[in-house]
Amino acid sequence: MSHVEAVYRHGVFQPLGPVDLADDQRVRLNIELAGLETPQSWLRQVQLVQAAVLKRQGVLPDSAQEIAADRQR
């Protein structure tokens, strides 16, 4: 587990999704405000992920025709 979004409420961090931790497990938190993201910063994050996928997998084939044919069955 490397990234979990949470809400700080009444002095406690509450995860916004499931976490795979045992009760009383100690963790280290790095605080980054999530609500201040702009569309441009989100788009840049998406572009970084796309670049990483392309670097790892190479150019992915266009499967639009196969998907269309499958949906017509």
C-alpha atoms as a PDB file:
ATOM      1  CA  MET A   1       0.000   0.000   0.000  1.00  0.00           C
ATOM      2  CA  SER A   2       1.502   3.295  -0.982  1.00  0.00           C
ATOM      3  CA  HIS A   3      -1.302   5.836  -1.317  1.00  0.00           C
ATOM      4  CA  VAL A   4      -4.547   6.235   0.633  1.00  0.00           C
ATOM      5  CA  GLU A   5      -6.836   9.256   0.660  1.00  0.00           C
ATOM      6  CA  ALA A   6      -8.287  10.153   4.035  1.00  0.00           C
ATOM      7  CA  VAL A   7     -10.297  12.794   5.838  1.00  0.00           C
ATOM      8  CA  TYR A   8      -9.070  14.384   9.068  1.00  0.00           C
ATOM      9  CA  ARG A   9     -12.060  14.642  11.395  1.00  0.00           C
ATOM     10  CA  HIS A  10     -12.201  15.156  15.172  1.00  0.00           C
ATOM     11  CA  GLY A  11      -8.466  14.547  15.535  1.00  0.00           C
ATOM     12  CA  VAL A  12      -8.463  11.246  13.598  1.00  0.00           C
ATOM     13  CA  PHE A  13      -7.519  10.364  10.007  1.00  0.00           C
ATOM     14  CA  GLN A  14     -10.317   8.322   8.431  1.00  0.00           C
ATOM     15  CA  PRO A  15      -9.451   6.464   5.182  1.00  0.00           C
ATOM     16  CA  LEU A  16     -11.829   7.054   2.274  1.00  0.00           C
ATOM     17  CA  GLY A  17     -11.367   3.499   1.017  1.00  0.00           C
ATOM     18  CA  PRO A  18     -10.342   0.071   2.231  1.00  0.00           C
ATOM     19  CA  VAL A  19      -6.871  -0.398   3.684  1.00  0.00           C
ATOM     20  CA  ASP A  20      -5.015  -3.674   4.096  1.00  0.00           C
ATOM     21  CA  LEU A  21      -3.629  -3.142   7.592  1.00  0.00           C
ATOM     22  CA  ALA A  22      -3.953  -4.971  10.885  1.00  0.00           C
ATOM     23  CA  ASP A  23      -5.508  -3.153  13.830  1.00  0.00           C
ATOM     24  CA  ASP A  24      -2.956  -1.101  15.795  1.00  0.00           C
ATOM     25  CA  GLN A  25      -0.484  -1.234  12.875  1.00  0.00           C
ATOM     26  CA  ARG A  26       1.864   1.761  12.996  1.00  0.00           C
ATOM     27  CA  VAL A  27       2.213   3.718   9.768  1.00  0.00           C
ATOM     28  CA  ARG A  28       4.007   6.854   8.637  1.00  0.00           C
ATOM     29  CA  LEU A  29       1.889   9.576   7.020  1.00  0.00           C
ATOM     30  CA  ASN A  30       3.008  12.284   4.616  1.00  0.00           C
ATOM     31  CA  ILE A  31       0.320  14.956   4.497  1.00  0.00           C
ATOM     32  CA  GLU A  32      -0.644  16.424   1.107  1.00  0.00           C
ATOM     33  CA  LEU A  33      -3.839  18.439   0.703  1.00  0.00           C
ATOM     34  CA  ALA A  34      -6.036  16.720  -1.881  1.00  0.00           C
ATOM     35  CA  GLY A  35      -8.722  19.348  -2.433  1.00  0.00           C
ATOM     36  CA  LEU A  36      -6.444  21.885  -4.090  1.00  0.00           C
ATOM     37  CA  GLU A  37      -5.884  19.978  -7.313  1.00  0.00           C
ATOM     38  CA  THR A  38      -6.465  21.894 -10.536  1.00  0.00           C
ATOM     39  CA  PRO A  39      -7.577  20.333 -13.827  1.00  0.00           C
ATOM     40  CA  GLN A  40      -4.129  21.111 -15.219  1.00  0.00           C
ATOM     41  CA  SER A  41      -2.335  19.283 -12.404  1.00  0.00           C
ATOM     42  CA  TRP A  42      -4.692  16.300 -12.787  1.00  0.00           C
ATOM     43  CA  LEU A  43      -4.048  16.212 -16.539  1.00  0.00           C
ATOM     44  CA  ARG A  44      -0.291  16.315 -15.934  1.00  0.00           C
ATOM     45  CA  GLN A  45      -0.590  13.334 -13.580  1.00  0.00           C
ATOM     46  CA  VAL A  46      -2.548  11.424 -16.242  1.00  0.00           C
ATOM     47  CA  GLN A  47       0.106  12.246 -18.839  1.00  0.00           C
ATOM     48  CA  LEU A  48       2.843  10.962 -16.516  1.00  0.00           C
ATOM     49  CA  VAL A  49       0.970   7.683 -16.025  1.00  0.00           C
ATOM     50  CA  GLN A  50       0.431   7.366 -19.791  1.00  0.00           C
ATOM     51  CA  ALA A  51       4.132   7.950 -20.427  1.00  0.00           C
ATOM     52  CA  ALA A  52       5.061   5.307 -17.844  1.00  0.00           C
ATOM     53  CA  VAL A  53       2.701   2.763 -19.446  1.00  0.00           C
ATOM     54  CA  LEU A  54       4.087   3.493 -22.913  1.00  0.00           C
ATOM     55  CA  LYS A  55       7.640   3.143 -21.625  1.00  0.00           C
ATOM     56  CA  ARG A  56       6.830  -0.186 -19.970  1.00  0.00           C
ATOM     57  CA  GLN A  57       4.474  -1.701 -22.595  1.00  0.00           C
ATOM     58  CA  GLY A  58       5.280   0.152 -25.802  1.00  0.00           C
ATOM     59  CA  VAL A  59       2.539   1.339 -28.140  1.00  0.00           C
ATOM     60  CA  LEU A  60      -0.642  -0.578 -27.468  1.00  0.00           C
ATOM     61  CA  PRO A  61      -2.562  -1.936 -30.466  1.00  0.00           C
ATOM     62  CA  ASP A  62      -5.814  -0.285 -31.513  1.00  0.00           C
ATOM     63  CA  SER A  63      -8.501  -2.821 -30.674  1.00  0.00           C
ATOM     64  CA  ALA A  64     -11.527  -0.661 -31.540  1.00  0.00           C
ATOM     65  CA  GLN A  65     -12.574  -2.901 -34.454  1.00  0.00           C
ATOM     66  CA  GLU A  66     -12.407  -6.052 -32.329  1.00  0.00           C
ATOM     67  CA  ILE A  67     -14.441  -4.404 -29.590  1.00  0.00           C
ATOM     68  CA  ALA A  68     -17.082  -3.236 -32.093  1.00  0.00           C
ATOM     69  CA  ALA A  69     -17.317  -6.715 -33.620  1.00  0.00           C
ATOM     70  CA  ASP A  70     -17.669  -8.288 -30.186  1.00  0.00           C
ATOM     71  CA  ARG A  71     -20.510  -5.936 -29.271  1.00  0.00           C
ATOM     72  CA  GLN A  72     -22.397  -6.828 -32.446  1.00  0.00           C
ATOM     73  CA  ARG A  73     -22.475 -10.523 -31.549  1.00  0.00           C
END
